[in-house]
Amino acid sequence: MKKIIFTDKAPAPIGPYNQAVLSGNTLYASGQIAINPASGEIITDNINDETTQVMQNIAAILEAANMTFENVVKATIFIMDMNNFAAINAIYGSYFDEKTAPARETVQVACLPKNVNVEISIIAVQ
């Protein structure tokens, strides 16, 4: 059985998908980009602010599922330019305890929705 997770504290989906799906005790969250949920504004002026908004969107989805970043077991980071890796990694890393951080891959891609620079998806377990 699956339960759809939705919060107005994260951006509404921009296509035929949900913010997250809880199946049993596992949360599968769709990739998040830097859309400010309050204003609908896409933040791309600088990679630090952009990555912070992405992580805040993920935090809101985790909270809606009664979880935190401690529950995250897997993350995938898609970036447009590998030269931004260090900045993205620093912001991303600030949300986790390095000793218990999730498994992860980071890949450079040709293009992302809305021409953003970073998109992150997660899997979390209760």
PDB file of N, CA and C in Angstrom:
ATOM      1  N   MET A   1       0.851  -1.184   0.000  1.00  0.00           N
ATOM      2  CA  MET A   1       0.000   0.000   0.000  1.00  0.00           C
ATOM      3  C   MET A   1       0.891   1.239   0.000  1.00  0.00           C
ATOM      4  N   LYS A   2       0.492   2.227  -0.785  1.00  0.00           N
ATOM      5  CA  LYS A   2       1.277   3.449  -0.832  1.00  0.00           C
ATOM      6  C   LYS A   2       0.445   4.634  -0.373  1.00  0.00           C
ATOM      7  N   LYS A   3       1.166   5.593   0.197  1.00  0.00           N
ATOM      8  CA  LYS A   3       0.537   6.830   0.670  1.00  0.00           C
ATOM      9  C   LYS A   3       1.255   7.989  -0.014  1.00  0.00           C
ATOM     10  N   ILE A   4       0.482   8.880  -0.604  1.00  0.00           N
ATOM     11  CA  ILE A   4       1.046  10.058  -1.258  1.00  0.00           C
ATOM     12  C   ILE A   4       1.377  11.096  -0.182  1.00  0.00           C
ATOM     13  N   ILE A   5       2.580  11.625  -0.245  1.00  0.00           N
ATOM     14  CA  ILE A   5       3.019  12.674   0.681  1.00  0.00           C
ATOM     15  C   ILE A   5       3.004  13.998  -0.069  1.00  0.00           C
ATOM     16  N   PHE A   6       2.332  14.977   0.516  1.00  0.00           N
ATOM     17  CA  PHE A   6       2.283  16.310  -0.079  1.00  0.00           C
ATOM     18  C   PHE A   6       2.350  17.351   1.025  1.00  0.00           C
ATOM     19  N   THR A   7       3.097  18.400   0.787  1.00  0.00           N
ATOM     20  CA  THR A   7       3.136  19.542   1.690  1.00  0.00           C
ATOM     21  C   THR A   7       3.210  20.821   0.876  1.00  0.00           C
ATOM     22  N   ASP A   8       2.539  21.855   1.358  1.00  0.00           N
ATOM     23  CA  ASP A   8       2.637  23.146   0.678  1.00  0.00           C
ATOM     24  C   ASP A   8       3.915  23.884   1.063  1.00  0.00           C
ATOM     25  N   LYS A   9       4.738  23.264   1.916  1.00  0.00           N
ATOM     26  CA  LYS A   9       6.027  23.846   2.296  1.00  0.00           C
ATOM     27  C   LYS A   9       7.141  23.457   1.325  1.00  0.00           C
ATOM     28  N   ALA A  10       6.782  22.675   0.319  1.00  0.00           N
ATOM     29  CA  ALA A  10       7.695  22.325  -0.773  1.00  0.00           C
ATOM     30  C   ALA A  10       6.954  22.631  -2.068  1.00  0.00           C
ATOM     31  N   PRO A  11       7.683  22.808  -3.176  1.00  0.00           N
ATOM     32  CA  PRO A  11       7.006  23.152  -4.428  1.00  0.00           C
ATOM     33  C   PRO A  11       6.076  22.038  -4.907  1.00  0.00           C
ATOM     34  N   ALA A  12       4.966  22.449  -5.471  1.00  0.00           N
ATOM     35  CA  ALA A  12       4.041  21.486  -6.063  1.00  0.00           C
ATOM     36  C   ALA A  12       4.706  20.858  -7.284  1.00  0.00           C
ATOM     37  N   PRO A  13       4.381  19.617  -7.578  1.00  0.00           N
ATOM     38  CA  PRO A  13       4.953  18.977  -8.768  1.00  0.00           C
ATOM     39  C   PRO A  13       4.647  19.773 -10.034  1.00  0.00           C
ATOM     40  N   ILE A  14       5.594  19.727 -10.985  1.00  0.00           N
ATOM     41  CA  ILE A  14       5.401  20.440 -12.249  1.00  0.00           C
ATOM     42  C   ILE A  14       5.107  19.458 -13.381  1.00  0.00           C
ATOM     43  N   GLY A  15       4.625  18.284 -13.019  1.00  0.00           N
ATOM     44  CA  GLY A  15       4.297  17.253 -13.993  1.00  0.00           C
ATOM     45  C   GLY A  15       3.453  16.171 -13.341  1.00  0.00           C
ATOM     46  N   PRO A  16       3.249  15.062 -14.020  1.00  0.00           N
ATOM     47  CA  PRO A  16       2.403  13.992 -13.504  1.00  0.00           C
ATOM     48  C   PRO A  16       3.155  13.085 -12.513  1.00  0.00           C
ATOM     49  N   TYR A  17       3.502  13.653 -11.362  1.00  0.00           N
ATOM     50  CA  TYR A  17       4.168  12.907 -10.291  1.00  0.00           C
ATOM     51  C   TYR A  17       3.820  13.561  -8.965  1.00  0.00           C
ATOM     52  N   ASN A  18       4.198  12.931  -7.866  1.00  0.00           N
ATOM     53  CA  ASN A  18       3.965  13.463  -6.525  1.00  0.00           C
ATOM     54  C   ASN A  18       5.285  13.856  -5.888  1.00  0.00           C
ATOM     55  N   GLN A  19       5.198  14.697  -4.865  1.00  0.00           N
ATOM     56  CA  GLN A  19       6.406  15.088  -4.145  1.00  0.00           C
ATOM     57  C   GLN A  19       7.106  13.858  -3.580  1.00  0.00           C
ATOM     58  N   ALA A  20       6.312  12.941  -3.029  1.00  0.00           N
ATOM     59  CA  ALA A  20       6.889  11.729  -2.454  1.00  0.00           C
ATOM     60  C   ALA A  20       5.804  10.677  -2.299  1.00  0.00           C
ATOM     61  N   VAL A  21       6.254   9.436  -2.220  1.00  0.00           N
ATOM     62  CA  VAL A  21       5.363   8.309  -1.990  1.00  0.00           C
ATOM     63  C   VAL A  21       5.949   7.494  -0.844  1.00  0.00           C
ATOM     64  N   LEU A  22       5.112   7.210   0.144  1.00  0.00           N
ATOM     65  CA  LEU A  22       5.501   6.360   1.263  1.00  0.00           C
ATOM     66  C   LEU A  22       4.944   4.972   0.989  1.00  0.00           C
ATOM     67  N   SER A  23       5.824   3.992   0.884  1.00  0.00           N
ATOM     68  CA  SER A  23       5.423   2.608   0.654  1.00  0.00           C
ATOM     69  C   SER A  23       5.968   1.788   1.818  1.00  0.00           C
ATOM     70  N   GLY A  24       5.081   1.293   2.652  1.00  0.00           N
ATOM     71  CA  GLY A  24       5.531   0.636   3.874  1.00  0.00           C
ATOM     72  C   GLY A  24       6.227   1.668   4.737  1.00  0.00           C
ATOM     73  N   ASN A  25       7.475   1.394   5.084  1.00  0.00           N
ATOM     74  CA  ASN A  25       8.224   2.369   5.892  1.00  0.00           C
ATOM     75  C   ASN A  25       9.285   3.107   5.068  1.00  0.00           C
ATOM     76  N   THR A  26       9.173   3.025   3.739  1.00  0.00           N
ATOM     77  CA  THR A  26      10.163   3.653   2.860  1.00  0.00           C
ATOM     78  C   THR A  26       9.548   4.824   2.099  1.00  0.00           C
ATOM     79  N   LEU A  27      10.237   5.950   2.152  1.00  0.00           N
ATOM     80  CA  LEU A  27       9.806   7.166   1.464  1.00  0.00           C
ATOM     81  C   LEU A  27      10.656   7.354   0.219  1.00  0.00           C
ATOM     82  N   TYR A  28       9.999   7.502  -0.907  1.00  0.00           N
ATOM     83  CA  TYR A  28      10.655   7.788  -2.176  1.00  0.00           C
ATOM     84  C   TYR A  28      10.279   9.214  -2.557  1.00  0.00           C
ATOM     85  N   ALA A  29      11.239  10.131  -2.471  1.00  0.00           N
ATOM     86  CA  ALA A  29      10.950  11.531  -2.769  1.00  0.00           C
ATOM     87  C   ALA A  29      11.413  11.875  -4.174  1.00  0.00           C
ATOM     88  N   SER A  30      10.567  12.554  -4.905  1.00  0.00           N
ATOM     89  CA  SER A  30      10.918  13.022  -6.240  1.00  0.00           C
ATOM     90  C   SER A  30      12.050  14.032  -6.150  1.00  0.00           C
ATOM     91  N   GLY A  31      12.780  14.166  -7.247  1.00  0.00           N
ATOM     92  CA  GLY A  31      13.859  15.138  -7.290  1.00  0.00           C
ATOM     93  C   GLY A  31      13.343  16.541  -7.018  1.00  0.00           C
ATOM     94  N   GLN A  32      14.080  17.258  -6.203  1.00  0.00           N
ATOM     95  CA  GLN A  32      13.708  18.621  -5.851  1.00  0.00           C
ATOM     96  C   GLN A  32      14.665  19.601  -6.518  1.00  0.00           C
ATOM     97  N   ILE A  33      14.082  20.666  -7.039  1.00  0.00           N
ATOM     98  CA  ILE A  33      14.865  21.765  -7.596  1.00  0.00           C
ATOM     99  C   ILE A  33      14.589  22.997  -6.743  1.00  0.00           C
ATOM    100  N   ALA A  34      15.279  24.073  -7.020  1.00  0.00           N
ATOM    101  CA  ALA A  34      15.239  25.265  -6.172  1.00  0.00           C
ATOM    102  C   ALA A  34      14.064  26.179  -6.498  1.00  0.00           C
ATOM    103  N   ILE A  35      12.874  25.670  -6.290  1.00  0.00           N
ATOM    104  CA  ILE A  35      11.675  26.509  -6.399  1.00  0.00           C
ATOM    105  C   ILE A  35      11.267  26.888  -4.985  1.00  0.00           C
ATOM    106  N   ASN A  36      11.145  28.190  -4.744  1.00  0.00           N
ATOM    107  CA  ASN A  36      10.655  28.659  -3.457  1.00  0.00           C
ATOM    108  C   ASN A  36       9.152  28.367  -3.419  1.00  0.00           C
ATOM    109  N   PRO A  37       8.683  27.521  -2.485  1.00  0.00           N
ATOM    110  CA  PRO A  37       7.267  27.141  -2.493  1.00  0.00           C
ATOM    111  C   PRO A  37       6.322  28.304  -2.186  1.00  0.00           C
ATOM    112  N   ALA A  38       6.790  29.304  -1.468  1.00  0.00           N
ATOM    113  CA  ALA A  38       5.926  30.438  -1.115  1.00  0.00           C
ATOM    114  C   ALA A  38       5.707  31.369  -2.306  1.00  0.00           C
ATOM    115  N   SER A  39       6.767  31.612  -3.064  1.00  0.00           N
ATOM    116  CA  SER A  39       6.680  32.585  -4.154  1.00  0.00           C
ATOM    117  C   SER A  39       6.586  31.939  -5.540  1.00  0.00           C
ATOM    118  N   GLY A  40       6.989  30.682  -5.639  1.00  0.00           N
ATOM    119  CA  GLY A  40       7.054  30.028  -6.939  1.00  0.00           C
ATOM    120  C   GLY A  40       8.299  30.412  -7.729  1.00  0.00           C
ATOM    121  N   GLU A  41       9.138  31.259  -7.139  1.00  0.00           N
ATOM    122  CA  GLU A  41      10.351  31.739  -7.796  1.00  0.00           C
ATOM    123  C   GLU A  41      11.395  30.625  -7.876  1.00  0.00           C
ATOM    124  N   ILE A  42      12.068  30.540  -9.017  1.00  0.00           N
ATOM    125  CA  ILE A  42      13.175  29.607  -9.186  1.00  0.00           C
ATOM    126  C   ILE A  42      14.456  30.337  -8.829  1.00  0.00           C
ATOM    127  N   ILE A  43      15.220  29.753  -7.920  1.00  0.00           N
ATOM    128  CA  ILE A  43      16.438  30.391  -7.433  1.00  0.00           C
ATOM    129  C   ILE A  43      17.633  29.793  -8.166  1.00  0.00           C
ATOM    130  N   THR A  44      18.262  30.596  -9.008  1.00  0.00           N
ATOM    131  CA  THR A  44      19.449  30.125  -9.736  1.00  0.00           C
ATOM    132  C   THR A  44      20.569  31.165  -9.756  1.00  0.00           C
ATOM    133  N   ASP A  45      20.441  32.254  -8.969  1.00  0.00           N
ATOM    134  CA  ASP A  45      21.460  33.316  -9.015  1.00  0.00           C
ATOM    135  C   ASP A  45      22.822  32.829  -8.535  1.00  0.00           C
ATOM    136  N   ASN A  46      22.835  32.007  -7.471  1.00  0.00           N
ATOM    137  CA  ASN A  46      24.114  31.451  -7.035  1.00  0.00           C
ATOM    138  C   ASN A  46      23.896  30.038  -6.514  1.00  0.00           C
ATOM    139  N   ILE A  47      24.899  29.209  -6.674  1.00  0.00           N
ATOM    140  CA  ILE A  47      24.757  27.783  -6.398  1.00  0.00           C
ATOM    141  C   ILE A  47      24.518  27.499  -4.919  1.00  0.00           C
ATOM    142  N   ASN A  48      25.036  28.341  -4.023  1.00  0.00           N
ATOM    143  CA  ASN A  48      24.806  28.126  -2.589  1.00  0.00           C
ATOM    144  C   ASN A  48      23.341  28.311  -2.232  1.00  0.00           C
ATOM    145  N   ASP A  49      22.751  29.414  -2.683  1.00  0.00           N
ATOM    146  CA  ASP A  49      21.329  29.659  -2.403  1.00  0.00           C
ATOM    147  C   ASP A  49      20.455  28.617  -3.087  1.00  0.00           C
ATOM    148  N   GLU A  50      20.834  28.235  -4.287  1.00  0.00           N
ATOM    149  CA  GLU A  50      20.061  27.243  -5.034  1.00  0.00           C
ATOM    150  C   GLU A  50      20.064  25.895  -4.298  1.00  0.00           C
ATOM    151  N   THR A  51      21.242  25.457  -3.887  1.00  0.00           N
ATOM    152  CA  THR A  51      21.344  24.171  -3.185  1.00  0.00           C
ATOM    153  C   THR A  51      20.635  24.225  -1.839  1.00  0.00           C
ATOM    154  N   THR A  52      20.733  25.345  -1.143  1.00  0.00           N
ATOM    155  CA  THR A  52      20.038  25.493   0.140  1.00  0.00           C
ATOM    156  C   THR A  52      18.536  25.367  -0.045  1.00  0.00           C
ATOM    157  N   GLN A  53      17.985  25.979  -1.083  1.00  0.00           N
ATOM    158  CA  GLN A  53      16.546  25.879  -1.334  1.00  0.00           C
ATOM    159  C   GLN A  53      16.148  24.431  -1.632  1.00  0.00           C
ATOM    160  N   VAL A  54      16.963  23.733  -2.412  1.00  0.00           N
ATOM    161  CA  VAL A  54      16.693  22.320  -2.706  1.00  0.00           C
ATOM    162  C   VAL A  54      16.637  21.533  -1.399  1.00  0.00           C
ATOM    163  N   MET A  55      17.612  21.728  -0.528  1.00  0.00           N
ATOM    164  CA  MET A  55      17.651  20.983   0.729  1.00  0.00           C
ATOM    165  C   MET A  55      16.492  21.362   1.652  1.00  0.00           C
ATOM    166  N   GLN A  56      16.080  22.634   1.637  1.00  0.00           N
ATOM    167  CA  GLN A  56      14.912  23.042   2.430  1.00  0.00           C
ATOM    168  C   GLN A  56      13.646  22.377   1.898  1.00  0.00           C
ATOM    169  N   ASN A  57      13.540  22.235   0.592  1.00  0.00           N
ATOM    170  CA  ASN A  57      12.387  21.551   0.009  1.00  0.00           C
ATOM    171  C   ASN A  57      12.370  20.081   0.430  1.00  0.00           C
ATOM    172  N   ILE A  58      13.525  19.447   0.421  1.00  0.00           N
ATOM    173  CA  ILE A  58      13.610  18.054   0.873  1.00  0.00           C
ATOM    174  C   ILE A  58      13.247  17.958   2.349  1.00  0.00           C
ATOM    175  N   ALA A  59      13.734  18.884   3.155  1.00  0.00           N
ATOM    176  CA  ALA A  59      13.414  18.881   4.592  1.00  0.00           C
ATOM    177  C   ALA A  59      11.911  18.965   4.815  1.00  0.00           C
ATOM    178  N   ALA A  60      11.223  19.792   4.035  1.00  0.00           N
ATOM    179  CA  ALA A  60       9.774  19.941   4.177  1.00  0.00           C
ATOM    180  C   ALA A  60       9.046  18.639   3.838  1.00  0.00           C
ATOM    181  N   ILE A  61       9.515  17.960   2.818  1.00  0.00           N
ATOM    182  CA  ILE A  61       8.902  16.684   2.431  1.00  0.00           C
ATOM    183  C   ILE A  61       9.160  15.628   3.506  1.00  0.00           C
ATOM    184  N   LEU A  62      10.383  15.576   4.012  1.00  0.00           N
ATOM    185  CA  LEU A  62      10.685  14.647   5.094  1.00  0.00           C
ATOM    186  C   LEU A  62       9.798  14.918   6.302  1.00  0.00           C
ATOM    187  N   GLU A  63       9.650  16.184   6.652  1.00  0.00           N
ATOM    188  CA  GLU A  63       8.801  16.554   7.792  1.00  0.00           C
ATOM    189  C   GLU A  63       7.357  16.120   7.562  1.00  0.00           C
ATOM    190  N   ALA A  64       6.857  16.281   6.352  1.00  0.00           N
ATOM    191  CA  ALA A  64       5.479  15.879   6.040  1.00  0.00           C
ATOM    192  C   ALA A  64       5.290  14.372   6.202  1.00  0.00           C
ATOM    193  N   ALA A  65       6.380  13.632   6.077  1.00  0.00           N
ATOM    194  CA  ALA A  65       6.339  12.174   6.242  1.00  0.00           C
ATOM    195  C   ALA A  65       6.787  11.760   7.649  1.00  0.00           C
ATOM    196  N   ASN A  66       6.896  12.741   8.555  1.00  0.00           N
ATOM    197  CA  ASN A  66       7.349  12.499   9.935  1.00  0.00           C
ATOM    198  C   ASN A  66       8.747  11.888   9.975  1.00  0.00           C
ATOM    199  N   MET A  67       9.625  12.413   9.135  1.00  0.00           N
ATOM    200  CA  MET A  67      11.014  11.972   9.096  1.00  0.00           C
ATOM    201  C   MET A  67      11.941  13.180   9.122  1.00  0.00           C
ATOM    202  N   THR A  68      13.232  12.889   9.242  1.00  0.00           N
ATOM    203  CA  THR A  68      14.270  13.919   9.186  1.00  0.00           C
ATOM    204  C   THR A  68      15.385  13.420   8.266  1.00  0.00           C
ATOM    205  N   PHE A  69      16.426  14.212   8.133  1.00  0.00           N
ATOM    206  CA  PHE A  69      17.563  13.796   7.317  1.00  0.00           C
ATOM    207  C   PHE A  69      18.245  12.552   7.895  1.00  0.00           C
ATOM    208  N   GLU A  70      18.048  12.271   9.175  1.00  0.00           N
ATOM    209  CA  GLU A  70      18.593  11.051   9.779  1.00  0.00           C
ATOM    210  C   GLU A  70      17.995   9.801   9.143  1.00  0.00           C
ATOM    211  N   ASN A  71      16.790   9.911   8.582  1.00  0.00           N
ATOM    212  CA  ASN A  71      16.116   8.769   7.970  1.00  0.00           C
ATOM    213  C   ASN A  71      16.569   8.496   6.533  1.00  0.00           C
ATOM    214  N   VAL A  72      17.298   9.437   5.939  1.00  0.00           N
ATOM    215  CA  VAL A  72      17.693   9.300   4.535  1.00  0.00           C
ATOM    216  C   VAL A  72      18.770   8.221   4.402  1.00  0.00           C
ATOM    217  N   VAL A  73      18.511   7.246   3.507  1.00  0.00           N
ATOM    218  CA  VAL A  73      19.463   6.153   3.286  1.00  0.00           C
ATOM    219  C   VAL A  73      20.136   6.245   1.917  1.00  0.00           C
ATOM    220  N   LYS A  74      19.572   7.036   1.009  1.00  0.00           N
ATOM    221  CA  LYS A  74      20.104   7.121  -0.361  1.00  0.00           C
ATOM    222  C   LYS A  74      19.772   8.487  -0.934  1.00  0.00           C
ATOM    223  N   ALA A  75      20.717   9.074  -1.606  1.00  0.00           N
ATOM    224  CA  ALA A  75      20.501  10.356  -2.284  1.00  0.00           C
ATOM    225  C   ALA A  75      21.126  10.297  -3.673  1.00  0.00           C
ATOM    226  N   THR A  76      20.512  11.022  -4.583  1.00  0.00           N
ATOM    227  CA  THR A  76      21.063  11.175  -5.923  1.00  0.00           C
ATOM    228  C   THR A  76      21.113  12.667  -6.232  1.00  0.00           C
ATOM    229  N   ILE A  77      22.274  13.127  -6.648  1.00  0.00           N
ATOM    230  CA  ILE A  77      22.453  14.539  -6.990  1.00  0.00           C
ATOM    231  C   ILE A  77      22.759  14.636  -8.485  1.00  0.00           C
ATOM    232  N   PHE A  78      21.957  15.427  -9.171  1.00  0.00           N
ATOM    233  CA  PHE A  78      22.174  15.712 -10.586  1.00  0.00           C
ATOM    234  C   PHE A  78      22.642  17.157 -10.684  1.00  0.00           C
ATOM    235  N   ILE A  79      23.772  17.390 -11.348  1.00  0.00           N
ATOM    236  CA  ILE A  79      24.267  18.758 -11.484  1.00  0.00           C
ATOM    237  C   ILE A  79      24.598  19.050 -12.943  1.00  0.00           C
ATOM    238  N   MET A  80      24.426  20.305 -13.299  1.00  0.00           N
ATOM    239  CA  MET A  80      24.701  20.736 -14.670  1.00  0.00           C
ATOM    240  C   MET A  80      26.191  20.923 -14.930  1.00  0.00           C
ATOM    241  N   ASP A  81      26.938  21.326 -13.898  1.00  0.00           N
ATOM    242  CA  ASP A  81      28.349  21.655 -14.084  1.00  0.00           C
ATOM    243  C   ASP A  81      29.146  21.085 -12.915  1.00  0.00           C
ATOM    244  N   MET A  82      30.010  20.135 -13.182  1.00  0.00           N
ATOM    245  CA  MET A  82      30.796  19.499 -12.130  1.00  0.00           C
ATOM    246  C   MET A  82      31.697  20.499 -11.414  1.00  0.00           C
ATOM    247  N   ASN A  83      31.918  21.668 -11.997  1.00  0.00           N
ATOM    248  CA  ASN A  83      32.685  22.711 -11.306  1.00  0.00           C
ATOM    249  C   ASN A  83      31.954  23.235 -10.075  1.00  0.00           C
ATOM    250  N   ASN A  84      30.639  22.982  -9.975  1.00  0.00           N
ATOM    251  CA  ASN A  84      29.862  23.391  -8.806  1.00  0.00           C
ATOM    252  C   ASN A  84      29.837  22.318  -7.720  1.00  0.00           C
ATOM    253  N   PHE A  85      30.501  21.196  -7.965  1.00  0.00           N
ATOM    254  CA  PHE A  85      30.437  20.070  -7.037  1.00  0.00           C
ATOM    255  C   PHE A  85      30.810  20.454  -5.608  1.00  0.00           C
ATOM    256  N   ALA A  86      31.922  21.140  -5.412  1.00  0.00           N
ATOM    257  CA  ALA A  86      32.396  21.470  -4.063  1.00  0.00           C
ATOM    258  C   ALA A  86      31.372  22.316  -3.303  1.00  0.00           C
ATOM    259  N   ALA A  87      30.799  23.304  -3.952  1.00  0.00           N
ATOM    260  CA  ALA A  87      29.811  24.166  -3.293  1.00  0.00           C
ATOM    261  C   ALA A  87      28.552  23.378  -2.951  1.00  0.00           C
ATOM    262  N   ILE A  88      28.067  22.590  -3.900  1.00  0.00           N
ATOM    263  CA  ILE A  88      26.872  21.768  -3.659  1.00  0.00           C
ATOM    264  C   ILE A  88      27.145  20.775  -2.536  1.00  0.00           C
ATOM    265  N   ASN A  89      28.288  20.123  -2.577  1.00  0.00           N
ATOM    266  CA  ASN A  89      28.645  19.125  -1.578  1.00  0.00           C
ATOM    267  C   ASN A  89      28.720  19.732  -0.182  1.00  0.00           C
ATOM    268  N   ALA A  90      29.244  20.949  -0.069  1.00  0.00           N
ATOM    269  CA  ALA A  90      29.353  21.608   1.233  1.00  0.00           C
ATOM    270  C   ALA A  90      27.974  21.880   1.827  1.00  0.00           C
ATOM    271  N   ILE A  91      27.053  22.411   1.034  1.00  0.00           N
ATOM    272  CA  ILE A  91      25.693  22.687   1.515  1.00  0.00           C
ATOM    273  C   ILE A  91      24.989  21.376   1.842  1.00  0.00           C
ATOM    274  N   TYR A  92      25.007  20.436   0.912  1.00  0.00           N
ATOM    275  CA  TYR A  92      24.386  19.123   1.115  1.00  0.00           C
ATOM    276  C   TYR A  92      24.918  18.487   2.402  1.00  0.00           C
ATOM    277  N   GLY A  93      26.229  18.469   2.552  1.00  0.00           N
ATOM    278  CA  GLY A  93      26.854  17.837   3.706  1.00  0.00           C
ATOM    279  C   GLY A  93      26.471  18.451   5.032  1.00  0.00           C
ATOM    280  N   SER A  94      26.107  19.725   5.035  1.00  0.00           N
ATOM    281  CA  SER A  94      25.730  20.390   6.288  1.00  0.00           C
ATOM    282  C   SER A  94      24.414  19.864   6.855  1.00  0.00           C
ATOM    283  N   TYR A  95      23.658  19.118   6.079  1.00  0.00           N
ATOM    284  CA  TYR A  95      22.377  18.567   6.524  1.00  0.00           C
ATOM    285  C   TYR A  95      22.521  17.157   7.106  1.00  0.00           C
ATOM    286  N   PHE A  96      23.725  16.587   7.055  1.00  0.00           N
ATOM    287  CA  PHE A  96      23.939  15.217   7.507  1.00  0.00           C
ATOM    288  C   PHE A  96      25.100  15.138   8.486  1.00  0.00           C
ATOM    289  N   ASP A  97      25.049  14.121   9.330  1.00  0.00           N
ATOM    290  CA  ASP A  97      26.197  13.753  10.159  1.00  0.00           C
ATOM    291  C   ASP A  97      27.068  12.876   9.259  1.00  0.00           C
ATOM    292  N   GLU A  98      28.301  13.257   9.064  1.00  0.00           N
ATOM    293  CA  GLU A  98      29.166  12.544   8.129  1.00  0.00           C
ATOM    294  C   GLU A  98      29.279  11.051   8.461  1.00  0.00           C
ATOM    295  N   LYS A  99      29.228  10.705   9.752  1.00  0.00           N
ATOM    296  CA  LYS A  99      29.364   9.303  10.161  1.00  0.00           C
ATOM    297  C   LYS A  99      28.158   8.463   9.767  1.00  0.00           C
ATOM    298  N   THR A 100      26.995   9.090   9.626  1.00  0.00           N
ATOM    299  CA  THR A 100      25.773   8.341   9.308  1.00  0.00           C
ATOM    300  C   THR A 100      25.127   8.826   8.012  1.00  0.00           C
ATOM    301  N   ALA A 101      25.901   9.533   7.190  1.00  0.00           N
ATOM    302  CA  ALA A 101      25.372  10.069   5.928  1.00  0.00           C
ATOM    303  C   ALA A 101      24.898   8.931   5.024  1.00  0.00           C
ATOM    304  N   PRO A 102      23.934   9.220   4.152  1.00  0.00           N
ATOM    305  CA  PRO A 102      23.402   8.174   3.264  1.00  0.00           C
ATOM    306  C   PRO A 102      24.368   7.813   2.143  1.00  0.00           C
ATOM    307  N   ALA A 103      24.049   6.708   1.484  1.00  0.00           N
ATOM    308  CA  ALA A 103      24.735   6.378   0.232  1.00  0.00           C
ATOM    309  C   ALA A 103      24.340   7.440  -0.792  1.00  0.00           C
ATOM    310  N   ARG A 104      25.199   7.665  -1.791  1.00  0.00           N
ATOM    311  CA  ARG A 104      24.908   8.747  -2.734  1.00  0.00           C
ATOM    312  C   ARG A 104      25.701   8.595  -4.008  1.00  0.00           C
ATOM    313  N   GLU A 105      25.144   9.115  -5.090  1.00  0.00           N
ATOM    314  CA  GLU A 105      25.910   9.339  -6.302  1.00  0.00           C
ATOM    315  C   GLU A 105      25.622  10.750  -6.777  1.00  0.00           C
ATOM    316  N   THR A 106      26.598  11.292  -7.481  1.00  0.00           N
ATOM    317  CA  THR A 106      26.470  12.622  -8.066  1.00  0.00           C
ATOM    318  C   THR A 106      26.846  12.503  -9.535  1.00  0.00           C
ATOM    319  N   VAL A 107      25.962  12.954 -10.396  1.00  0.00           N
ATOM    320  CA  VAL A 107      26.230  12.850 -11.830  1.00  0.00           C
ATOM    321  C   VAL A 107      25.998  14.191 -12.514  1.00  0.00           C
ATOM    322  N   GLN A 108      26.833  14.470 -13.485  1.00  0.00           N
ATOM    323  CA  GLN A 108      26.637  15.659 -14.312  1.00  0.00           C
ATOM    324  C   GLN A 108      25.694  15.282 -15.450  1.00  0.00           C
ATOM    325  N   VAL A 109      24.740  16.172 -15.709  1.00  0.00           N
ATOM    326  CA  VAL A 109      23.745  15.924 -16.749  1.00  0.00           C
ATOM    327  C   VAL A 109      23.751  17.071 -17.758  1.00  0.00           C
ATOM    328  N   ALA A 110      23.141  16.841 -18.906  1.00  0.00           N
ATOM    329  CA  ALA A 110      23.117  17.848 -19.964  1.00  0.00           C
ATOM    330  C   ALA A 110      22.136  18.973 -19.683  1.00  0.00           C
ATOM    331  N   CYS A 111      21.019  18.654 -19.036  1.00  0.00           N
ATOM    332  CA  CYS A 111      19.989  19.663 -18.780  1.00  0.00           C
ATOM    333  C   CYS A 111      19.095  19.176 -17.656  1.00  0.00           C
ATOM    334  N   LEU A 112      18.544  20.125 -16.891  1.00  0.00           N
ATOM    335  CA  LEU A 112      17.606  19.816 -15.813  1.00  0.00           C
ATOM    336  C   LEU A 112      16.338  20.633 -16.006  1.00  0.00           C
ATOM    337  N   PRO A 113      15.226  20.205 -15.387  1.00  0.00           N
ATOM    338  CA  PRO A 113      13.977  20.961 -15.523  1.00  0.00           C
ATOM    339  C   PRO A 113      14.156  22.435 -15.143  1.00  0.00           C
ATOM    340  N   LYS A 114      13.492  23.284 -15.878  1.00  0.00           N
ATOM    341  CA  LYS A 114      13.520  24.739 -15.630  1.00  0.00           C
ATOM    342  C   LYS A 114      14.930  25.323 -15.716  1.00  0.00           C
ATOM    343  N   ASN A 115      15.847  24.599 -16.350  1.00  0.00           N
ATOM    344  CA  ASN A 115      17.233  25.050 -16.508  1.00  0.00           C
ATOM    345  C   ASN A 115      17.936  25.360 -15.197  1.00  0.00           C
ATOM    346  N   VAL A 116      17.607  24.586 -14.151  1.00  0.00           N
ATOM    347  CA  VAL A 116      18.281  24.761 -12.868  1.00  0.00           C
ATOM    348  C   VAL A 116      19.661  24.118 -12.921  1.00  0.00           C
ATOM    349  N   ASN A 117      20.444  24.337 -11.878  1.00  0.00           N
ATOM    350  CA  ASN A 117      21.810  23.826 -11.830  1.00  0.00           C
ATOM    351  C   ASN A 117      21.966  22.557 -11.012  1.00  0.00           C
ATOM    352  N   VAL A 118      20.973  22.265 -10.156  1.00  0.00           N
ATOM    353  CA  VAL A 118      21.069  21.096  -9.285  1.00  0.00           C
ATOM    354  C   VAL A 118      19.682  20.546  -8.992  1.00  0.00           C
ATOM    355  N   GLU A 119      19.582  19.225  -8.937  1.00  0.00           N
ATOM    356  CA  GLU A 119      18.367  18.527  -8.527  1.00  0.00           C
ATOM    357  C   GLU A 119      18.798  17.373  -7.638  1.00  0.00           C
ATOM    358  N   ILE A 120      18.079  17.182  -6.524  1.00  0.00           N
ATOM    359  CA  ILE A 120      18.424  16.113  -5.580  1.00  0.00           C
ATOM    360  C   ILE A 120      17.190  15.314  -5.252  1.00  0.00           C
ATOM    361  N   SER A 121      17.318  14.000  -5.287  1.00  0.00           N
ATOM    362  CA  SER A 121      16.240  13.107  -4.846  1.00  0.00           C
ATOM    363  C   SER A 121      16.763  12.248  -3.707  1.00  0.00           C
ATOM    364  N   ILE A 122      15.837  11.750  -2.881  1.00  0.00           N
ATOM    365  CA  ILE A 122      16.245  10.931  -1.729  1.00  0.00           C
ATOM    366  C   ILE A 122      15.298   9.753  -1.536  1.00  0.00           C
ATOM    367  N   ILE A 123      15.810   8.763  -0.834  1.00  0.00           N
ATOM    368  CA  ILE A 123      15.027   7.652  -0.314  1.00  0.00           C
ATOM    369  C   ILE A 123      15.288   7.641   1.187  1.00  0.00           C
ATOM    370  N   ALA A 124      14.227   7.532   1.983  1.00  0.00           N
ATOM    371  CA  ALA A 124      14.363   7.528   3.439  1.00  0.00           C
ATOM    372  C   ALA A 124      13.556   6.366   4.020  1.00  0.00           C
ATOM    373  N   VAL A 125      13.992   5.889   5.165  1.00  0.00           N
ATOM    374  CA  VAL A 125      13.329   4.766   5.825  1.00  0.00           C
ATOM    375  C   VAL A 125      13.036   5.125   7.281  1.00  0.00           C
ATOM    376  N   GLN A 126      11.836   4.797   7.728  1.00  0.00           N
ATOM    377  CA  GLN A 126      11.453   5.067   9.131  1.00  0.00           C
ATOM    378  C   GLN A 126      12.108   4.067  10.052  1.00  0.00           C
TER     379      GLN A 126
END
